[in-house]
Structures are given as C-alpha cells and as structure tokens.
Amino acid sequence: MIAEISAAIAAVQSVNAAIQTLKEAKGHGGDLSSVVGRWATATEKAQEAEKKGAGKMSYQEALKMESITRQLQNFDRQLQDICLMQGQPELYHSIKRRMEESRLAHEKEVGRIRLKRKQFRESVKLIATMVGWGLLFIGLLMAGLYLYTN
C-alpha cells in the first residue's frame, strides 16, 4: 500500500515539475502534451493506490491520498489556465471529458471492491458464529452424555 502511494506522490511531483517548465517556456504544444500525459499517469497511479487501499487505509495513508487528490485538482486548474492562454479551450474540455469517464469508472470499481470486502467480512463473521454455536452445542451434548452415563 505504501508503495502505491509513494508512486502516486512521485507522479504528482513529476507533473508539478512539468507544469513549472511549461510555465517558464510560455507553453508549447509538445510541452502541453507531455504535461497532460504526466497528469494522466499521476491520476491513474492515485486511482490505483486508492483502489488497493479501498476500505483498509491507515490514517496516515488516507491523509497522503487526500493531499495527492488536492494537488491533482490544483494541476487541473493550472492546466485549464494554460490551455486558455494557448487558445485551446476545446483541448481542455476534451481532456476533462475523458478523465471524467475514467473517474466514474474508477469510482464504480472502488465501490464494487468495498462492497466485496464488506460482504467477505460479513461471511467470515457468519461462519465464525456458526462454528462457535456448533462447538458450544457439541460441548453441551458431550457434557450431557458424560453426566448421563455417570
């Protein structure tokens, strides 16, 4: 779990460096595609880390994931500004549309994973309860037989 979060943090730092370079270079088309590629990679790594930690993150890991999410939102605003400065608002809207589709699929997958984990925990609890009652019944039956025969 730590490895996935560390990979997401590294990807976010890579996006931050690319955005700073793009701002300094006054933005070029090739540079913009590089930033978008790094941003998409960072988003995917963050989603992968969240998917693996769905429902079982520690407090510290959850804080790191929240920080990554906020940084990615900040990069979104910066990307929008860069696209508008370059006169390419349709590029930004196209990117956001595709990312929204990916985000919705990701949220659906995380919800499915959380539901499966919850169902698994409930099944284990039910089985443990049944085994406990069974052992109690067998123990009482054995005690009854012992008292009956003596």
N, C-alpha and C. Protein backbone atom coordinates (compact mmCIF):
# COMPACT_ATOMS: atom_id res chain seq x y z
N MET A 1 0.83 -1.19 0.00
CA MET A 1 0.00 0.00 0.00
C MET A 1 0.87 1.25 0.00
N ILE A 2 1.93 1.24 0.80
CA ILE A 2 2.83 2.38 0.87
C ILE A 2 3.49 2.60 -0.49
N ALA A 3 3.83 1.52 -1.18
CA ALA A 3 4.50 1.63 -2.47
C ALA A 3 3.60 2.33 -3.49
N GLU A 4 2.31 2.01 -3.50
CA GLU A 4 1.39 2.64 -4.44
C GLU A 4 1.25 4.13 -4.16
N ILE A 5 1.17 4.48 -2.88
CA ILE A 5 1.04 5.90 -2.52
C ILE A 5 2.33 6.64 -2.87
N SER A 6 3.48 6.01 -2.63
CA SER A 6 4.76 6.64 -2.98
C SER A 6 4.87 6.86 -4.48
N ALA A 7 4.39 5.89 -5.26
CA ALA A 7 4.41 6.04 -6.72
C ALA A 7 3.50 7.19 -7.16
N ALA A 8 2.35 7.32 -6.51
CA ALA A 8 1.44 8.41 -6.84
C ALA A 8 2.07 9.76 -6.48
N ILE A 9 2.75 9.83 -5.33
CA ILE A 9 3.41 11.07 -4.93
C ILE A 9 4.50 11.43 -5.93
N ALA A 10 5.29 10.44 -6.36
CA ALA A 10 6.34 10.70 -7.34
C ALA A 10 5.75 11.19 -8.66
N ALA A 11 4.64 10.62 -9.06
CA ALA A 11 3.99 11.04 -10.31
C ALA A 11 3.46 12.47 -10.19
N VAL A 12 2.92 12.81 -9.02
CA VAL A 12 2.42 14.17 -8.80
C VAL A 12 3.58 15.17 -8.84
N GLN A 13 4.71 14.80 -8.25
CA GLN A 13 5.88 15.69 -8.29
C GLN A 13 6.37 15.87 -9.71
N SER A 14 6.29 14.81 -10.51
CA SER A 14 6.68 14.89 -11.91
C SER A 14 5.78 15.87 -12.67
N VAL A 15 4.48 15.81 -12.39
CA VAL A 15 3.53 16.73 -13.04
C VAL A 15 3.84 18.16 -12.61
N ASN A 16 4.13 18.36 -11.34
CA ASN A 16 4.44 19.70 -10.85
C ASN A 16 5.66 20.27 -11.56
N ALA A 17 6.70 19.47 -11.71
CA ALA A 17 7.91 19.91 -12.41
C ALA A 17 7.60 20.23 -13.87
N ALA A 18 6.78 19.41 -14.52
CA ALA A 18 6.43 19.64 -15.93
C ALA A 18 5.63 20.92 -16.09
N ILE A 19 4.71 21.18 -15.16
CA ILE A 19 3.91 22.41 -15.24
C ILE A 19 4.80 23.63 -15.04
N GLN A 20 5.74 23.56 -14.11
CA GLN A 20 6.65 24.69 -13.90
C GLN A 20 7.49 24.94 -15.15
N THR A 21 7.97 23.88 -15.78
CA THR A 21 8.74 24.02 -17.01
C THR A 21 7.88 24.63 -18.11
N LEU A 22 6.64 24.20 -18.20
CA LEU A 22 5.72 24.71 -19.21
C LEU A 22 5.44 26.19 -18.99
N LYS A 23 5.27 26.58 -17.74
CA LYS A 23 5.03 28.00 -17.45
C LYS A 23 6.24 28.85 -17.81
N GLU A 24 7.43 28.34 -17.51
CA GLU A 24 8.65 29.08 -17.81
C GLU A 24 8.88 29.20 -19.31
N ALA A 25 8.50 28.18 -20.07
CA ALA A 25 8.71 28.18 -21.52
C ALA A 25 7.56 28.86 -22.25
N LYS A 26 6.63 29.42 -21.54
CA LYS A 26 5.45 30.09 -22.10
C LYS A 26 4.56 29.14 -22.88
N GLY A 27 4.73 27.87 -22.66
CA GLY A 27 3.83 26.85 -23.19
C GLY A 27 3.97 26.59 -24.67
N HIS A 28 4.28 25.37 -25.01
CA HIS A 28 4.33 24.93 -26.40
C HIS A 28 3.47 23.68 -26.50
N GLY A 29 2.99 23.38 -27.69
CA GLY A 29 2.09 22.24 -27.88
C GLY A 29 2.68 20.92 -27.40
N GLY A 30 3.96 20.67 -27.74
CA GLY A 30 4.60 19.43 -27.31
C GLY A 30 4.74 19.36 -25.80
N ASP A 31 5.08 20.50 -25.21
CA ASP A 31 5.20 20.54 -23.76
C ASP A 31 3.86 20.27 -23.09
N LEU A 32 2.80 20.82 -23.66
CA LEU A 32 1.47 20.63 -23.10
C LEU A 32 1.06 19.16 -23.13
N SER A 33 1.36 18.48 -24.23
CA SER A 33 1.00 17.06 -24.31
C SER A 33 1.81 16.25 -23.29
N SER A 34 3.04 16.66 -23.03
CA SER A 34 3.86 15.99 -22.02
C SER A 34 3.24 16.16 -20.64
N VAL A 35 2.79 17.38 -20.34
CA VAL A 35 2.16 17.64 -19.03
C VAL A 35 0.88 16.84 -18.89
N VAL A 36 0.08 16.81 -19.95
CA VAL A 36 -1.18 16.07 -19.91
C VAL A 36 -0.89 14.58 -19.70
N GLY A 37 0.12 14.06 -20.36
CA GLY A 37 0.49 12.65 -20.19
C GLY A 37 0.93 12.35 -18.76
N ARG A 38 1.74 13.24 -18.20
CA ARG A 38 2.18 13.03 -16.81
C ARG A 38 1.02 13.17 -15.84
N TRP A 39 0.13 14.11 -16.12
CA TRP A 39 -1.04 14.31 -15.26
C TRP A 39 -1.93 13.06 -15.27
N ALA A 40 -2.13 12.51 -16.47
CA ALA A 40 -2.95 11.31 -16.59
C ALA A 40 -2.29 10.14 -15.85
N THR A 41 -0.97 10.02 -15.97
CA THR A 41 -0.25 8.97 -15.26
C THR A 41 -0.40 9.13 -13.75
N ALA A 42 -0.24 10.37 -13.27
CA ALA A 42 -0.38 10.63 -11.84
C ALA A 42 -1.78 10.30 -11.36
N THR A 43 -2.77 10.66 -12.15
CA THR A 43 -4.16 10.37 -11.78
C THR A 43 -4.40 8.87 -11.73
N GLU A 44 -3.88 8.13 -12.71
CA GLU A 44 -4.05 6.68 -12.73
C GLU A 44 -3.37 6.03 -11.53
N LYS A 45 -2.17 6.51 -11.18
CA LYS A 45 -1.45 5.93 -10.03
C LYS A 45 -2.20 6.23 -8.74
N ALA A 46 -2.75 7.43 -8.64
CA ALA A 46 -3.53 7.77 -7.44
C ALA A 46 -4.77 6.89 -7.36
N GLN A 47 -5.43 6.66 -8.49
CA GLN A 47 -6.61 5.80 -8.50
C GLN A 47 -6.24 4.36 -8.16
N GLU A 48 -5.10 3.90 -8.66
CA GLU A 48 -4.65 2.54 -8.37
C GLU A 48 -4.36 2.39 -6.87
N ALA A 49 -3.72 3.40 -6.29
CA ALA A 49 -3.42 3.34 -4.85
C ALA A 49 -4.71 3.35 -4.05
N GLU A 50 -5.68 4.15 -4.48
CA GLU A 50 -6.96 4.20 -3.76
C GLU A 50 -7.70 2.87 -3.90
N LYS A 51 -7.62 2.28 -5.09
CA LYS A 51 -8.31 1.01 -5.33
C LYS A 51 -7.72 -0.09 -4.44
N LYS A 52 -6.38 -0.13 -4.32
CA LYS A 52 -5.76 -1.16 -3.49
C LYS A 52 -6.03 -0.93 -2.01
N GLY A 53 -6.20 0.33 -1.63
CA GLY A 53 -6.41 0.63 -0.22
C GLY A 53 -7.86 0.85 0.14
N ALA A 54 -8.76 0.55 -0.76
CA ALA A 54 -10.18 0.82 -0.52
C ALA A 54 -10.66 0.13 0.75
N GLY A 55 -11.04 0.92 1.73
CA GLY A 55 -11.60 0.40 2.96
C GLY A 55 -10.60 -0.11 3.97
N LYS A 56 -9.29 0.00 3.68
CA LYS A 56 -8.31 -0.50 4.64
C LYS A 56 -7.07 0.39 4.75
N MET A 57 -7.19 1.67 4.44
CA MET A 57 -6.08 2.60 4.57
C MET A 57 -5.91 3.03 6.02
N SER A 58 -4.65 3.24 6.40
CA SER A 58 -4.40 3.80 7.72
C SER A 58 -4.70 5.31 7.65
N TYR A 59 -4.70 5.92 8.82
CA TYR A 59 -4.98 7.36 8.89
C TYR A 59 -3.94 8.14 8.09
N GLN A 60 -2.67 7.77 8.25
CA GLN A 60 -1.59 8.46 7.55
C GLN A 60 -1.72 8.29 6.03
N GLU A 61 -2.03 7.08 5.59
CA GLU A 61 -2.19 6.83 4.15
C GLU A 61 -3.37 7.61 3.59
N ALA A 62 -4.46 7.69 4.37
CA ALA A 62 -5.62 8.45 3.92
C ALA A 62 -5.28 9.93 3.78
N LEU A 63 -4.48 10.46 4.69
CA LEU A 63 -4.06 11.86 4.60
C LEU A 63 -3.20 12.09 3.36
N LYS A 64 -2.30 11.16 3.09
CA LYS A 64 -1.46 11.29 1.88
C LYS A 64 -2.31 11.25 0.62
N MET A 65 -3.29 10.34 0.61
CA MET A 65 -4.17 10.26 -0.57
C MET A 65 -4.97 11.55 -0.74
N GLU A 66 -5.42 12.14 0.36
CA GLU A 66 -6.16 13.40 0.27
C GLU A 66 -5.26 14.51 -0.26
N SER A 67 -4.00 14.53 0.17
CA SER A 67 -3.05 15.52 -0.32
C SER A 67 -2.81 15.35 -1.82
N ILE A 68 -2.67 14.12 -2.25
CA ILE A 68 -2.47 13.84 -3.69
C ILE A 68 -3.69 14.30 -4.48
N THR A 69 -4.88 14.02 -3.97
CA THR A 69 -6.11 14.41 -4.66
C THR A 69 -6.19 15.93 -4.79
N ARG A 70 -5.85 16.63 -3.73
CA ARG A 70 -5.90 18.10 -3.78
C ARG A 70 -4.85 18.66 -4.75
N GLN A 71 -3.66 18.06 -4.80
CA GLN A 71 -2.64 18.51 -5.74
C GLN A 71 -3.10 18.28 -7.17
N LEU A 72 -3.73 17.15 -7.42
CA LEU A 72 -4.22 16.87 -8.78
C LEU A 72 -5.32 17.87 -9.17
N GLN A 73 -6.17 18.27 -8.22
CA GLN A 73 -7.18 19.29 -8.50
C GLN A 73 -6.52 20.63 -8.82
N ASN A 74 -5.44 20.95 -8.10
CA ASN A 74 -4.71 22.18 -8.36
C ASN A 74 -4.08 22.14 -9.76
N PHE A 75 -3.53 20.98 -10.15
CA PHE A 75 -2.97 20.84 -11.50
C PHE A 75 -4.05 21.00 -12.55
N ASP A 76 -5.25 20.53 -12.26
CA ASP A 76 -6.37 20.70 -13.18
C ASP A 76 -6.63 22.17 -13.44
N ARG A 77 -6.66 22.97 -12.40
CA ARG A 77 -6.88 24.42 -12.58
C ARG A 77 -5.73 25.05 -13.37
N GLN A 78 -4.50 24.62 -13.07
CA GLN A 78 -3.36 25.16 -13.80
C GLN A 78 -3.41 24.77 -15.28
N LEU A 79 -3.79 23.54 -15.55
CA LEU A 79 -3.90 23.07 -16.94
C LEU A 79 -4.97 23.87 -17.68
N GLN A 80 -6.08 24.12 -17.00
CA GLN A 80 -7.13 24.91 -17.63
C GLN A 80 -6.61 26.30 -17.99
N ASP A 81 -5.88 26.92 -17.08
CA ASP A 81 -5.31 28.25 -17.35
C ASP A 81 -4.34 28.20 -18.52
N ILE A 82 -3.50 27.17 -18.56
CA ILE A 82 -2.52 27.04 -19.64
C ILE A 82 -3.22 26.85 -20.98
N CYS A 83 -4.23 26.00 -21.02
CA CYS A 83 -4.97 25.77 -22.27
C CYS A 83 -5.67 27.05 -22.73
N LEU A 84 -6.24 27.79 -21.80
CA LEU A 84 -6.89 29.05 -22.17
C LEU A 84 -5.88 30.06 -22.68
N MET A 85 -4.70 30.12 -22.07
CA MET A 85 -3.66 31.05 -22.53
C MET A 85 -3.17 30.68 -23.92
N GLN A 86 -3.18 29.39 -24.24
CA GLN A 86 -2.73 28.95 -25.56
C GLN A 86 -3.86 28.97 -26.59
N GLY A 87 -5.05 29.37 -26.15
CA GLY A 87 -6.18 29.43 -27.07
C GLY A 87 -6.72 28.06 -27.45
N GLN A 88 -6.64 27.10 -26.53
CA GLN A 88 -7.10 25.74 -26.80
C GLN A 88 -8.08 25.27 -25.73
N PRO A 89 -9.18 26.01 -25.54
CA PRO A 89 -10.14 25.57 -24.51
C PRO A 89 -10.80 24.24 -24.87
N GLU A 90 -10.95 23.93 -26.17
CA GLU A 90 -11.57 22.67 -26.56
C GLU A 90 -10.69 21.48 -26.17
N LEU A 91 -9.37 21.68 -26.17
CA LEU A 91 -8.46 20.62 -25.73
C LEU A 91 -8.70 20.31 -24.25
N TYR A 92 -8.82 21.35 -23.45
CA TYR A 92 -9.06 21.15 -22.02
C TYR A 92 -10.38 20.42 -21.79
N HIS A 93 -11.42 20.84 -22.49
CA HIS A 93 -12.74 20.21 -22.32
C HIS A 93 -12.71 18.74 -22.77
N SER A 94 -11.98 18.46 -23.83
CA SER A 94 -11.85 17.07 -24.30
C SER A 94 -11.12 16.22 -23.25
N ILE A 95 -10.05 16.77 -22.71
CA ILE A 95 -9.29 16.06 -21.69
C ILE A 95 -10.17 15.79 -20.48
N LYS A 96 -10.88 16.81 -20.04
CA LYS A 96 -11.73 16.67 -18.85
C LYS A 96 -12.86 15.66 -19.08
N ARG A 97 -13.40 15.64 -20.27
CA ARG A 97 -14.47 14.69 -20.58
C ARG A 97 -13.95 13.25 -20.46
N ARG A 98 -12.78 13.01 -21.03
CA ARG A 98 -12.19 11.67 -20.95
C ARG A 98 -11.82 11.30 -19.51
N MET A 99 -11.30 12.26 -18.78
CA MET A 99 -10.92 12.00 -17.40
C MET A 99 -12.16 11.76 -16.53
N GLU A 100 -13.24 12.44 -16.84
CA GLU A 100 -14.48 12.24 -16.08
C GLU A 100 -15.01 10.82 -16.31
N GLU A 101 -14.93 10.35 -17.54
CA GLU A 101 -15.33 8.98 -17.83
C GLU A 101 -14.47 8.00 -17.04
N SER A 102 -13.17 8.25 -17.01
CA SER A 102 -12.25 7.40 -16.26
C SER A 102 -12.54 7.48 -14.76
N ARG A 103 -12.83 8.67 -14.25
CA ARG A 103 -13.11 8.85 -12.82
C ARG A 103 -14.37 8.10 -12.42
N LEU A 104 -15.40 8.19 -13.26
CA LEU A 104 -16.65 7.48 -12.96
C LEU A 104 -16.44 5.96 -12.94
N ALA A 105 -15.67 5.47 -13.90
CA ALA A 105 -15.38 4.03 -13.93
C ALA A 105 -14.56 3.64 -12.69
N HIS A 106 -13.63 4.51 -12.30
CA HIS A 106 -12.81 4.24 -11.11
C HIS A 106 -13.67 4.21 -9.85
N GLU A 107 -14.55 5.17 -9.69
CA GLU A 107 -15.41 5.21 -8.51
C GLU A 107 -16.32 3.98 -8.45
N LYS A 108 -16.81 3.57 -9.60
CA LYS A 108 -17.65 2.37 -9.65
C LYS A 108 -16.84 1.14 -9.22
N GLU A 109 -15.61 1.04 -9.70
CA GLU A 109 -14.75 -0.09 -9.35
C GLU A 109 -14.41 -0.08 -7.86
N VAL A 110 -14.07 1.08 -7.31
CA VAL A 110 -13.75 1.18 -5.88
C VAL A 110 -14.97 0.81 -5.04
N GLY A 111 -16.14 1.26 -5.45
CA GLY A 111 -17.36 0.90 -4.74
C GLY A 111 -17.61 -0.60 -4.77
N ARG A 112 -17.36 -1.22 -5.91
CA ARG A 112 -17.52 -2.66 -6.05
C ARG A 112 -16.54 -3.40 -5.14
N ILE A 113 -15.30 -2.92 -5.08
CA ILE A 113 -14.29 -3.56 -4.23
C ILE A 113 -14.67 -3.43 -2.76
N ARG A 114 -15.11 -2.25 -2.35
CA ARG A 114 -15.53 -2.04 -0.96
C ARG A 114 -16.69 -2.95 -0.60
N LEU A 115 -17.64 -3.09 -1.52
CA LEU A 115 -18.79 -3.96 -1.28
C LEU A 115 -18.35 -5.42 -1.13
N LYS A 116 -17.43 -5.87 -2.00
CA LYS A 116 -16.93 -7.24 -1.91
C LYS A 116 -16.22 -7.48 -0.59
N ARG A 117 -15.41 -6.51 -0.14
CA ARG A 117 -14.71 -6.67 1.13
C ARG A 117 -15.69 -6.69 2.30
N LYS A 118 -16.72 -5.87 2.23
CA LYS A 118 -17.71 -5.85 3.30
C LYS A 118 -18.45 -7.19 3.33
N GLN A 119 -18.84 -7.70 2.17
CA GLN A 119 -19.53 -8.98 2.11
C GLN A 119 -18.64 -10.11 2.61
N PHE A 120 -17.35 -10.05 2.30
CA PHE A 120 -16.42 -11.07 2.77
C PHE A 120 -16.33 -11.05 4.29
N ARG A 121 -16.19 -9.86 4.87
CA ARG A 121 -16.14 -9.74 6.33
C ARG A 121 -17.41 -10.29 6.98
N GLU A 122 -18.56 -9.97 6.39
CA GLU A 122 -19.82 -10.47 6.92
C GLU A 122 -19.90 -11.99 6.82
N SER A 123 -19.42 -12.55 5.72
CA SER A 123 -19.42 -14.01 5.55
C SER A 123 -18.52 -14.68 6.59
N VAL A 124 -17.33 -14.11 6.80
CA VAL A 124 -16.41 -14.67 7.80
C VAL A 124 -17.04 -14.59 9.18
N LYS A 125 -17.70 -13.49 9.48
CA LYS A 125 -18.35 -13.33 10.79
C LYS A 125 -19.46 -14.37 10.95
N LEU A 126 -20.25 -14.58 9.91
CA LEU A 126 -21.33 -15.56 9.96
C LEU A 126 -20.79 -16.97 10.16
N ILE A 127 -19.74 -17.31 9.42
CA ILE A 127 -19.14 -18.64 9.54
C ILE A 127 -18.57 -18.83 10.94
N ALA A 128 -17.88 -17.81 11.47
CA ALA A 128 -17.32 -17.91 12.82
C ALA A 128 -18.43 -18.08 13.85
N THR A 129 -19.54 -17.38 13.68
CA THR A 129 -20.67 -17.51 14.60
C THR A 129 -21.25 -18.92 14.53
N MET A 130 -21.41 -19.43 13.32
CA MET A 130 -21.96 -20.78 13.16
C MET A 130 -21.03 -21.83 13.77
N VAL A 131 -19.74 -21.70 13.56
CA VAL A 131 -18.78 -22.64 14.13
C VAL A 131 -18.81 -22.55 15.66
N GLY A 132 -18.87 -21.34 16.18
CA GLY A 132 -18.94 -21.16 17.63
C GLY A 132 -20.15 -21.81 18.24
N TRP A 133 -21.32 -21.59 17.66
CA TRP A 133 -22.54 -22.21 18.16
C TRP A 133 -22.49 -23.73 18.02
N GLY A 134 -21.91 -24.20 16.92
CA GLY A 134 -21.78 -25.65 16.71
C GLY A 134 -20.89 -26.28 17.77
N LEU A 135 -19.75 -25.63 18.05
CA LEU A 135 -18.85 -26.15 19.08
C LEU A 135 -19.51 -26.11 20.46
N LEU A 136 -20.25 -25.06 20.73
CA LEU A 136 -20.96 -24.95 22.01
C LEU A 136 -21.99 -26.08 22.12
N PHE A 137 -22.73 -26.32 21.05
CA PHE A 137 -23.73 -27.39 21.05
C PHE A 137 -23.08 -28.75 21.27
N ILE A 138 -21.98 -29.00 20.56
CA ILE A 138 -21.28 -30.28 20.71
C ILE A 138 -20.74 -30.42 22.13
N GLY A 139 -20.20 -29.34 22.68
CA GLY A 139 -19.69 -29.37 24.05
C GLY A 139 -20.79 -29.67 25.06
N LEU A 140 -21.94 -29.02 24.90
CA LEU A 140 -23.07 -29.28 25.80
C LEU A 140 -23.58 -30.71 25.64
N LEU A 141 -23.61 -31.18 24.40
CA LEU A 141 -24.04 -32.55 24.14
C LEU A 141 -23.10 -33.55 24.80
N MET A 142 -21.80 -33.32 24.68
CA MET A 142 -20.80 -34.21 25.30
C MET A 142 -20.92 -34.16 26.83
N ALA A 143 -21.12 -32.95 27.39
CA ALA A 143 -21.27 -32.83 28.84
C ALA A 143 -22.53 -33.56 29.29
N GLY A 144 -23.60 -33.42 28.54
CA GLY A 144 -24.85 -34.13 28.87
C GLY A 144 -24.68 -35.63 28.82
N LEU A 145 -23.99 -36.13 27.80
CA LEU A 145 -23.74 -37.57 27.71
C LEU A 145 -22.87 -38.07 28.85
N TYR A 146 -21.88 -37.27 29.22
CA TYR A 146 -21.00 -37.65 30.32
C TYR A 146 -21.79 -37.74 31.62
N LEU A 147 -22.62 -36.75 31.88
CA LEU A 147 -23.43 -36.76 33.11
C LEU A 147 -24.47 -37.89 33.08
N TYR A 148 -24.98 -38.19 31.93
CA TYR A 148 -25.99 -39.24 31.80
C TYR A 148 -25.40 -40.61 32.06
N THR A 149 -24.19 -40.83 31.54
CA THR A 149 -23.56 -42.16 31.70
C THR A 149 -22.96 -42.36 33.09
N ASN A 150 -22.66 -41.31 33.82
CA ASN A 150 -22.07 -41.45 35.16
C ASN A 150 -23.09 -41.24 36.18
